Protein backbone atom coordinates (compact mmCIF):
# COMPACT_ATOMS: atom_id res chain seq x y z
CA MET A 1 -18.52 0.73 13.85
CA LYS A 2 -17.74 4.39 14.49
CA THR A 3 -15.73 6.37 17.02
CA ASN A 4 -13.95 9.72 16.94
CA THR A 5 -10.99 8.10 15.16
CA LEU A 6 -12.55 5.08 13.45
CA ASP A 7 -15.28 4.85 10.81
CA ILE A 8 -15.64 1.40 9.23
CA ARG A 9 -18.91 0.54 7.52
CA HIS A 10 -20.57 -2.61 6.20
CA MET A 11 -21.45 -1.40 2.71
CA ASP A 12 -20.34 -1.22 -0.91
CA CYS A 13 -17.27 0.98 -1.12
CA MET A 14 -18.61 3.12 -4.00
CA ASP A 15 -21.74 3.99 -2.03
CA GLY A 16 -19.66 4.69 1.05
CA MET A 17 -16.98 6.78 -0.63
CA LYS A 18 -19.61 9.03 -2.21
CA THR A 19 -20.62 10.13 1.29
CA LEU A 20 -17.10 11.37 2.09
CA PRO A 21 -16.11 15.01 1.62
CA SER A 22 -13.68 15.92 -1.15
CA ASP A 23 -10.05 16.46 -0.08
CA SER A 24 -10.52 14.61 3.22
CA ILE A 25 -8.21 11.55 3.07
CA ASN A 26 -4.42 11.77 3.35
CA LEU A 27 -3.72 8.19 2.30
CA TRP A 28 -5.78 5.47 0.69
CA ILE A 29 -4.06 2.10 1.03
CA THR A 30 -5.75 -1.07 -0.15
CA SER A 31 -5.53 -4.47 -1.78
CA PRO A 32 -8.56 -4.89 -4.07
CA PRO A 33 -10.05 -8.26 -4.97
CA TYR A 34 -8.28 -9.95 -7.86
CA ALA A 35 -10.24 -10.86 -10.98
CA LYS A 36 -12.08 -14.15 -10.37
CA GLN A 37 -9.54 -15.22 -7.76
CA ARG A 38 -11.81 -14.99 -4.72
CA ASP A 39 -15.29 -16.33 -4.13
CA TYR A 40 -16.61 -12.84 -3.38
CA ASN A 41 -16.28 -11.47 -6.92
CA GLY A 42 -17.09 -12.71 -10.38
CA PHE A 43 -15.82 -10.15 -12.86
CA GLU A 44 -13.59 -11.30 -15.69
CA ALA A 45 -10.01 -10.12 -16.14
CA GLY A 46 -11.02 -8.06 -19.17
CA GLU A 47 -13.56 -6.19 -17.02
CA TYR A 48 -11.14 -5.43 -14.21
CA SER A 49 -10.20 -1.88 -15.14
CA ASP A 50 -13.84 -0.96 -15.75
CA PHE A 51 -14.70 -2.35 -12.31
CA LEU A 52 -11.90 -0.55 -10.47
CA LEU A 53 -11.64 2.83 -12.23
CA PRO A 54 -14.87 4.37 -10.81
CA ILE A 55 -13.71 3.42 -7.31
CA MET A 56 -10.29 4.95 -7.92
CA MET A 57 -11.96 8.11 -9.27
CA GLU A 58 -13.74 8.45 -5.93
CA ALA A 59 -10.41 7.87 -4.19
CA LYS A 60 -8.93 10.73 -6.21
CA ARG A 61 -11.84 13.04 -5.38
CA THR A 62 -11.58 12.35 -1.67
CA MET A 63 -7.76 12.56 -1.55
CA LYS A 64 -6.10 15.71 -0.32
CA GLU A 65 -3.77 17.44 -2.78
CA THR A 66 -0.85 16.22 -0.67
CA GLY A 67 -2.29 12.71 -0.42
CA SER A 68 -1.36 9.34 -1.87
CA LEU A 69 -3.03 6.18 -3.09
CA VAL A 70 -1.22 2.86 -2.51
CA VAL A 71 -2.59 -0.27 -4.19
CA ASN A 72 -1.31 -3.83 -3.73
CA ILE A 73 -2.33 -6.03 -6.67
CA LYS A 74 -0.89 -8.96 -8.64
CA GLU A 75 -2.31 -10.37 -11.84
CA HIS A 76 -3.01 -14.10 -12.04
CA CYS A 77 -2.11 -16.70 -14.62
CA GLU A 78 -4.66 -18.37 -16.88
CA ASP A 79 -4.09 -21.09 -19.48
CA GLY A 80 -0.36 -20.93 -18.86
CA ALA A 81 -0.02 -17.17 -19.43
CA ARG A 82 0.25 -14.20 -17.11
CA SER A 83 -2.82 -11.96 -17.47
CA LEU A 84 -2.34 -8.34 -18.50
CA TYR A 85 -5.31 -6.81 -16.72
CA VAL A 86 -3.28 -5.13 -13.95
CA TYR A 87 -0.92 -3.50 -16.46
CA LYS A 88 -3.91 -2.20 -18.44
CA TRP A 89 -5.44 -0.84 -15.23
CA VAL A 90 -2.23 1.01 -14.31
CA ILE A 91 -2.13 2.64 -17.75
CA ASP A 92 -5.79 3.63 -17.41
CA MET A 93 -5.11 5.15 -13.99
CA VAL A 94 -2.62 7.54 -15.59
CA GLU A 95 -4.17 8.13 -19.01
CA LYS A 96 -7.88 8.14 -18.12
CA LEU A 97 -7.96 9.36 -14.51
CA GLY A 98 -4.92 11.63 -14.54
CA PHE A 99 -3.07 10.05 -11.62
CA THR A 100 0.70 10.31 -11.39
CA LEU A 101 2.39 6.93 -11.00
CA VAL A 102 5.14 7.89 -8.55
CA ASP A 103 6.68 4.49 -7.91
CA GLU A 104 6.26 0.76 -8.10
CA PHE A 105 7.19 -1.23 -5.00
CA ILE A 106 7.94 -4.93 -4.91
CA TRP A 107 6.66 -6.96 -1.97
CA ASN A 108 9.20 -9.78 -1.78
CA LYS A 109 7.59 -12.69 0.07
CA THR A 110 9.97 -14.92 1.99
CA ASN A 111 7.37 -17.69 2.32
CA PRO A 112 5.71 -18.01 -1.11
CA PHE A 113 3.08 -20.68 -1.59
CA PRO A 114 4.15 -23.85 -3.42
CA THR A 115 3.05 -24.07 -7.03
CA GLY A 116 1.67 -26.96 -9.02
CA ALA A 117 2.42 -25.24 -12.32
CA LYS A 118 4.74 -27.14 -14.64
CA SER A 119 6.08 -24.08 -16.45
CA ARG A 120 6.47 -21.50 -13.65
CA LEU A 121 8.33 -21.10 -10.39
CA LYS A 122 6.76 -20.16 -7.07
CA ASP A 123 5.12 -16.74 -7.10
CA GLY A 124 7.38 -14.92 -4.66
CA PHE A 125 6.41 -11.28 -5.08
CA GLU A 126 3.55 -8.85 -5.55
CA ARG A 127 3.52 -5.28 -6.80
CA ILE A 128 2.42 -2.21 -4.88
CA TYR A 129 1.69 0.93 -6.90
CA HIS A 130 1.99 4.46 -5.50
CA PHE A 131 -0.22 7.09 -7.16
CA THR A 132 -0.71 10.79 -6.37
CA LYS A 133 -2.63 13.68 -7.87
CA SER A 134 0.06 16.31 -7.30
CA LYS A 135 3.84 16.58 -7.10
CA GLY A 136 3.58 18.02 -3.60
CA HIS A 137 2.52 14.80 -1.90
CA LYS A 138 3.62 14.09 1.65
CA PHE A 139 6.72 11.93 1.86
CA PHE A 140 8.77 11.24 5.00
CA PRO A 141 11.64 8.85 4.20
CA ASP A 142 13.36 9.61 7.52
CA GLU A 143 10.47 7.81 9.23
CA VAL A 144 11.32 4.49 7.56
CA LEU A 145 15.11 4.48 7.68
CA VAL A 146 16.86 1.11 7.94
CA LYS A 147 20.28 0.13 9.16
CA SER A 148 22.71 -0.07 6.27
CA GLU A 149 24.48 -3.32 5.49
CA SER A 150 26.21 -1.83 2.46
CA LYS A 151 29.97 -2.20 2.02
CA TRP A 152 29.77 0.78 -0.32
CA LEU A 153 28.45 2.93 2.53
CA ASP A 154 31.26 1.83 4.84
CA SER A 155 33.89 2.73 2.26
CA GLU A 156 32.28 6.10 1.54
CA LYS A 157 32.18 6.98 5.24
CA ARG A 158 35.92 6.35 5.45
CA ARG A 159 36.70 8.73 2.59
CA LYS A 160 38.32 12.00 3.63
CA ASN A 161 36.71 13.88 0.74
CA LYS A 162 32.95 13.36 0.72
CA GLY A 163 32.24 16.18 -1.67
CA SER A 164 30.83 16.04 -5.16
CA HIS A 165 30.75 12.55 -6.62
CA ASP A 166 30.22 12.01 -10.35
CA VAL A 167 27.85 9.30 -11.44
CA ASN A 168 27.38 7.73 -14.86
CA ASN A 169 24.90 10.30 -16.12
CA GLY A 170 27.26 13.19 -15.32
CA SER A 171 25.31 14.58 -12.38
CA GLY A 172 26.88 15.27 -9.00
CA MET A 173 25.84 13.90 -5.61
CA GLY A 174 26.86 15.60 -2.40
CA MET A 175 27.99 12.58 -0.42
CA SER A 176 28.59 14.54 2.78
CA LYS A 177 24.88 15.38 2.84
CA ARG A 178 23.72 11.87 2.01
CA ILE A 179 25.91 9.92 4.44
CA SER A 180 25.37 11.06 8.00
CA SER A 181 24.76 7.84 9.94
CA ASP A 182 24.38 4.10 9.62
CA MET A 183 20.67 4.58 8.92
CA VAL A 184 19.73 4.94 5.26
CA ARG A 185 16.66 5.12 3.06
CA PRO A 186 15.24 1.70 2.25
CA SER A 187 14.77 0.57 -1.33
CA ASN A 188 11.41 0.09 -3.00
CA VAL A 189 11.65 -3.65 -2.35
CA ILE A 190 9.85 -4.61 0.86
CA THR A 191 10.80 -8.05 2.16
CA GLY A 192 8.80 -10.09 4.63
CA THR A 193 6.49 -13.02 5.13
CA SER A 194 2.88 -13.33 4.07
CA SER A 195 0.51 -13.15 7.01
CA ASN A 196 -0.22 -16.49 8.63
CA GLU A 197 -2.90 -15.17 10.99
CA ASN A 198 -5.99 -17.36 11.16
CA ILE A 199 -8.76 -14.76 11.16
CA ASP A 200 -11.26 -16.17 8.64
CA HIS A 201 -10.08 -14.16 5.65
CA PRO A 202 -8.36 -15.61 2.54
CA ALA A 203 -5.95 -12.71 1.96
CA VAL A 204 -4.81 -11.12 5.20
CA PHE A 205 -2.52 -8.10 4.85
CA PRO A 206 0.63 -8.42 6.97
CA SER A 207 0.75 -5.41 9.28
CA TYR A 208 4.25 -4.30 8.27
CA LEU A 209 2.97 -3.25 4.82
CA PRO A 210 0.43 -0.60 5.92
CA ASP A 211 2.78 0.35 8.78
CA PHE A 212 5.50 1.17 6.24
CA PHE A 213 3.35 3.30 3.94
CA ILE A 214 1.51 5.08 6.75
CA ASN A 215 4.83 6.14 8.28
CA LEU A 216 6.26 7.08 4.86
CA MET A 217 3.32 9.11 3.58
CA THR A 218 1.39 10.54 6.55
CA GLU A 219 1.83 12.38 9.83
CA ARG A 220 0.28 11.79 13.22
CA GLY A 221 -3.35 12.94 13.14
CA ASP A 222 -3.73 12.37 9.37
CA SER A 223 -6.56 10.35 7.84
CA VAL A 224 -6.05 6.88 6.34
CA GLY A 225 -8.63 4.96 4.32
CA ASP A 226 -9.13 1.47 2.87
CA MET A 227 -12.05 0.97 0.50
CA PHE A 228 -11.63 -2.84 0.69
CA SER A 229 -11.07 -3.14 4.44
CA GLY A 230 -11.04 -6.93 4.54
CA SER A 231 -9.62 -8.20 7.82
CA GLY A 232 -8.99 -4.69 9.22
CA THR A 233 -5.19 -4.67 9.12
CA THR A 234 -4.93 -1.16 7.65
CA ALA A 235 -7.35 0.15 10.26
CA ILE A 236 -5.27 -1.30 13.09
CA SER A 237 -2.05 0.13 11.64
CA ALA A 238 -3.64 3.56 11.26
CA LEU A 239 -5.11 3.69 14.76
CA THR A 240 -2.04 2.36 16.56
CA SER A 241 0.14 4.96 14.82
CA GLY A 242 -2.06 7.91 15.81
CA ARG A 243 -4.00 8.34 12.56
CA THR A 244 -7.74 8.22 11.94
CA PHE A 245 -9.29 5.53 9.73
CA THR A 246 -12.19 5.32 7.28
CA GLY A 247 -13.06 2.08 5.53
CA PHE A 248 -15.71 -0.07 3.92
CA GLU A 249 -16.30 -3.82 3.65
CA LEU A 250 -19.11 -5.41 1.65
CA ASP A 251 -18.88 -8.96 2.99
CA GLU A 252 -20.80 -9.19 6.27
CA ASP A 253 -18.66 -11.97 7.76
CA TYR A 254 -15.42 -10.14 6.97
CA TYR A 255 -16.85 -6.92 8.35
CA LYS A 256 -17.83 -8.52 11.63
CA ALA A 257 -14.47 -10.27 11.93
CA ALA A 258 -12.62 -7.03 11.18
CA CYS A 259 -14.59 -5.09 13.81
CA GLU A 260 -13.88 -7.74 16.44
CA ARG A 261 -10.20 -7.80 15.52
CA ILE A 262 -9.87 -4.00 15.56
CA GLU A 263 -11.54 -3.79 18.96
CA ARG A 264 -9.36 -6.58 20.34
CA GLU A 265 -6.03 -5.32 19.01
CA THR A 266 -6.57 -1.65 19.85
CA ALA A 267 -8.20 -2.14 23.26
CA GLN A 268 -5.21 -0.71 25.14
CA GLN A 269 -4.49 2.03 22.60
CA THR A 270 -4.68 5.72 23.50
CA PHE A 271 -5.76 7.54 20.35
CA LEU A 272 -4.56 10.92 19.16
């Protein structure tokens, strides 16, 4: 499925990414398959980093110097213990591929699935890692401001002197520059529900996640990619916000469902 603003292909992501020019993608945002947690993969947890690193190396090659890579992933539990394969992969991303780990976001789910585990509580969050290949990556926090509910902010706004403010480490913060309205930068904890859309995919991305990162890390007209396109949520977020999209999906049924969903949900959209 290809238009002037959309390029989503039914193929293995490694094969597809190798056809892309270097320095062509502003933002890769994806949620890769978890080790042995879906019926469409069979690699063991110990093989996870070896499976994912070549794909991430292609992501790095195709990223612009000002670009970002955002990956949503959560390790599973096995035999009563939390697996370490995601942590090992993150270390390999930095030490073997040379990525910079800029931040770790927490996706706080307000509707976690019930658990049958005797020794653990419900799994109410997932991690989202932000990688770049340069310090000059695009970042637009003013595009994701939220209304403050902080009592601290209210008290600071009432202060007559909003000048230098000492903090515990001895540095100074210019409060008059930081407090200008009731809208403030959000934290790196993103709260919301898991998607409950019935679109024949076991792990549907809720749209507010790609919406958030696309607004935070790209500008209108920029290019967004998802190497594991799944149900097409990232594509829809990119197109409806005036970005272009490139993606790949290996599973034929998921690919067809994603194409139908993208066409349906962007039918009235005027692009770029």
